[in-house]
Amino acid sequence: MATFSEIIQSEKPVLVDFFATWCGPCKMMGPILQELKNNVGDEVTVIKIDVDKNQQVSATYQVQSVPTLMLFKNGKMLWRQSGVVPASQLEKIVKSNA
């Protein structure tokens, strides 16, 4: 299995959803991310990171609140936002960084 740092080195944009199982707004992101994937297909890789199980990665990127979404490409963070983000906004961000 690839490590987080290997995954974000991709030339294809990688959208990372930092979440927690106990977080209400995080649960709302599931269907939104599915809608995004349906709309953009293979243009983006979407991964979910459980902050409770991956505390080191969460600390590295100073994730203070969940959900926190980040977009990476070639190992660089291009965009970051905390809170629920609509699929339409995510699609624009992905397409502008594809």
C-alpha atoms as a PDB file:
ATOM      1  CA  MET A   1       0.000   0.000   0.000  1.00  0.00           C
ATOM      2  CA  ALA A   2       1.317   3.445  -0.938  1.00  0.00           C
ATOM      3  CA  THR A   3       2.161   5.919   1.798  1.00  0.00           C
ATOM      4  CA  PHE A   4       0.470   9.299   2.054  1.00  0.00           C
ATOM      5  CA  SER A   5       3.586  11.085   0.762  1.00  0.00           C
ATOM      6  CA  GLU A   6       3.759   8.695  -2.216  1.00  0.00           C
ATOM      7  CA  ILE A   7       0.095   9.216  -3.077  1.00  0.00           C
ATOM      8  CA  ILE A   8       0.323  13.033  -3.093  1.00  0.00           C
ATOM      9  CA  GLN A   9       3.344  12.954  -5.452  1.00  0.00           C
ATOM     10  CA  SER A  10       0.947  12.102  -8.277  1.00  0.00           C
ATOM     11  CA  GLU A  11       0.816  14.277 -11.385  1.00  0.00           C
ATOM     12  CA  LYS A  12      -2.943  13.867 -11.194  1.00  0.00           C
ATOM     13  CA  PRO A  13      -4.575  16.077  -8.508  1.00  0.00           C
ATOM     14  CA  VAL A  14      -5.207  14.278  -5.208  1.00  0.00           C
ATOM     15  CA  LEU A  15      -8.065  15.536  -3.026  1.00  0.00           C
ATOM     16  CA  VAL A  16      -7.579  14.572   0.605  1.00  0.00           C
ATOM     17  CA  ASP A  17     -10.478  14.591   3.066  1.00  0.00           C
ATOM     18  CA  PHE A  18      -9.240  14.664   6.669  1.00  0.00           C
ATOM     19  CA  PHE A  19     -12.177  13.409   8.729  1.00  0.00           C
ATOM     20  CA  ALA A  20     -13.192  11.807  12.009  1.00  0.00           C
ATOM     21  CA  THR A  21     -15.808   9.089  12.492  1.00  0.00           C
ATOM     22  CA  TRP A  22     -17.466  11.119  15.298  1.00  0.00           C
ATOM     23  CA  CYS A  23     -17.744  14.298  13.208  1.00  0.00           C
ATOM     24  CA  GLY A  24     -21.238  15.174  11.909  1.00  0.00           C
ATOM     25  CA  PRO A  25     -20.165  17.514   9.072  1.00  0.00           C
ATOM     26  CA  CYS A  26     -17.617  14.881   7.968  1.00  0.00           C
ATOM     27  CA  LYS A  27     -20.461  12.473   7.274  1.00  0.00           C
ATOM     28  CA  MET A  28     -21.959  15.080   4.922  1.00  0.00           C
ATOM     29  CA  MET A  29     -18.756  15.050   2.836  1.00  0.00           C
ATOM     30  CA  GLY A  30     -19.179  11.385   1.801  1.00  0.00           C
ATOM     31  CA  PRO A  31     -21.992  11.950  -0.727  1.00  0.00           C
ATOM     32  CA  ILE A  32     -20.373  15.235  -1.865  1.00  0.00           C
ATOM     33  CA  LEU A  33     -17.096  13.454  -2.654  1.00  0.00           C
ATOM     34  CA  GLN A  34     -19.032  10.717  -4.476  1.00  0.00           C
ATOM     35  CA  GLU A  35     -20.816  13.367  -6.559  1.00  0.00           C
ATOM     36  CA  LEU A  36     -17.450  14.994  -7.355  1.00  0.00           C
ATOM     37  CA  LYS A  37     -16.009  11.638  -8.434  1.00  0.00           C
ATOM     38  CA  ASN A  38     -19.069  11.025 -10.632  1.00  0.00           C
ATOM     39  CA  ASN A  39     -18.593  14.441 -12.270  1.00  0.00           C
ATOM     40  CA  VAL A  40     -14.816  14.444 -12.818  1.00  0.00           C
ATOM     41  CA  GLY A  41     -14.047  10.711 -12.954  1.00  0.00           C
ATOM     42  CA  ASP A  42     -10.345   9.982 -13.300  1.00  0.00           C
ATOM     43  CA  GLU A  43      -9.299  13.663 -13.297  1.00  0.00           C
ATOM     44  CA  VAL A  44      -8.754  13.437  -9.537  1.00  0.00           C
ATOM     45  CA  THR A  45      -7.839  10.857  -6.912  1.00  0.00           C
ATOM     46  CA  VAL A  46      -9.915  11.175  -3.731  1.00  0.00           C
ATOM     47  CA  ILE A  47      -8.623   9.768  -0.453  1.00  0.00           C
ATOM     48  CA  LYS A  48     -10.007   9.971   3.071  1.00  0.00           C
ATOM     49  CA  ILE A  49      -7.712  10.213   6.091  1.00  0.00           C
ATOM     50  CA  ASP A  50      -9.098   9.405   9.548  1.00  0.00           C
ATOM     51  CA  VAL A  51      -7.376  11.946  11.839  1.00  0.00           C
ATOM     52  CA  ASP A  52      -7.700   9.654  14.864  1.00  0.00           C
ATOM     53  CA  LYS A  53      -5.920   6.778  13.099  1.00  0.00           C
ATOM     54  CA  ASN A  54      -3.390   8.964  11.256  1.00  0.00           C
ATOM     55  CA  GLN A  55      -2.309  11.479  13.870  1.00  0.00           C
ATOM     56  CA  GLN A  56       1.170  11.929  12.408  1.00  0.00           C
ATOM     57  CA  VAL A  57      -0.095  13.019   8.976  1.00  0.00           C
ATOM     58  CA  SER A  58      -2.724  15.219  10.639  1.00  0.00           C
ATOM     59  CA  ALA A  59      -0.044  16.875  12.769  1.00  0.00           C
ATOM     60  CA  THR A  60       2.298  17.343   9.799  1.00  0.00           C
ATOM     61  CA  TYR A  61      -0.395  19.316   7.965  1.00  0.00           C
ATOM     62  CA  GLN A  62      -1.655  21.003  11.166  1.00  0.00           C
ATOM     63  CA  VAL A  63      -5.214  19.757  10.759  1.00  0.00           C
ATOM     64  CA  GLN A  64      -7.013  21.524  13.624  1.00  0.00           C
ATOM     65  CA  SER A  65     -10.606  20.899  12.616  1.00  0.00           C
ATOM     66  CA  VAL A  66     -12.488  18.338  10.565  1.00  0.00           C
ATOM     67  CA  PRO A  67     -13.435  18.046   7.840  1.00  0.00           C
ATOM     68  CA  THR A  68     -10.364  19.654   6.277  1.00  0.00           C
ATOM     69  CA  LEU A  69      -9.920  19.229   2.549  1.00  0.00           C
ATOM     70  CA  MET A  70      -6.603  19.635   0.727  1.00  0.00           C
ATOM     71  CA  LEU A  71      -5.683  19.359  -2.916  1.00  0.00           C
ATOM     72  CA  PHE A  72      -2.195  18.124  -3.782  1.00  0.00           C
ATOM     73  CA  LYS A  73      -0.378  17.741  -7.086  1.00  0.00           C
ATOM     74  CA  ASN A  74       3.238  16.614  -7.497  1.00  0.00           C
ATOM     75  CA  GLY A  75       3.572  16.686  -3.699  1.00  0.00           C
ATOM     76  CA  LYS A  76       2.566  20.357  -3.382  1.00  0.00           C
ATOM     77  CA  MET A  77      -0.519  21.556  -1.545  1.00  0.00           C
ATOM     78  CA  LEU A  78      -2.438  23.746  -3.982  1.00  0.00           C
ATOM     79  CA  TRP A  79      -5.570  24.417  -1.944  1.00  0.00           C
ATOM     80  CA  ARG A  80      -6.899  23.881   1.567  1.00  0.00           C
ATOM     81  CA  GLN A  81     -10.197  24.556   3.295  1.00  0.00           C
ATOM     82  CA  SER A  82     -11.886  23.424   6.488  1.00  0.00           C
ATOM     83  CA  GLY A  83     -15.594  22.668   6.667  1.00  0.00           C
ATOM     84  CA  VAL A  84     -18.090  21.205   4.230  1.00  0.00           C
ATOM     85  CA  VAL A  85     -17.395  22.251   0.633  1.00  0.00           C
ATOM     86  CA  PRO A  86     -20.056  21.793  -2.089  1.00  0.00           C
ATOM     87  CA  ALA A  87     -19.271  19.405  -4.954  1.00  0.00           C
ATOM     88  CA  SER A  88     -19.620  22.219  -7.514  1.00  0.00           C
ATOM     89  CA  GLN A  89     -16.909  24.255  -5.762  1.00  0.00           C
ATOM     90  CA  LEU A  90     -14.647  21.205  -5.447  1.00  0.00           C
ATOM     91  CA  GLU A  91     -15.118  20.465  -9.148  1.00  0.00           C
ATOM     92  CA  LYS A  92     -13.996  24.017 -10.074  1.00  0.00           C
ATOM     93  CA  ILE A  93     -10.922  23.706  -7.832  1.00  0.00           C
ATOM     94  CA  VAL A  94      -9.989  20.310  -9.288  1.00  0.00           C
ATOM     95  CA  LYS A  95     -10.481  21.468 -12.889  1.00  0.00           C
ATOM     96  CA  SER A  96      -8.455  24.658 -12.358  1.00  0.00           C
ATOM     97  CA  ASN A  97      -5.553  22.562 -11.015  1.00  0.00           C
ATOM     98  CA  ALA A  98      -5.797  19.553 -13.356  1.00  0.00           C
END
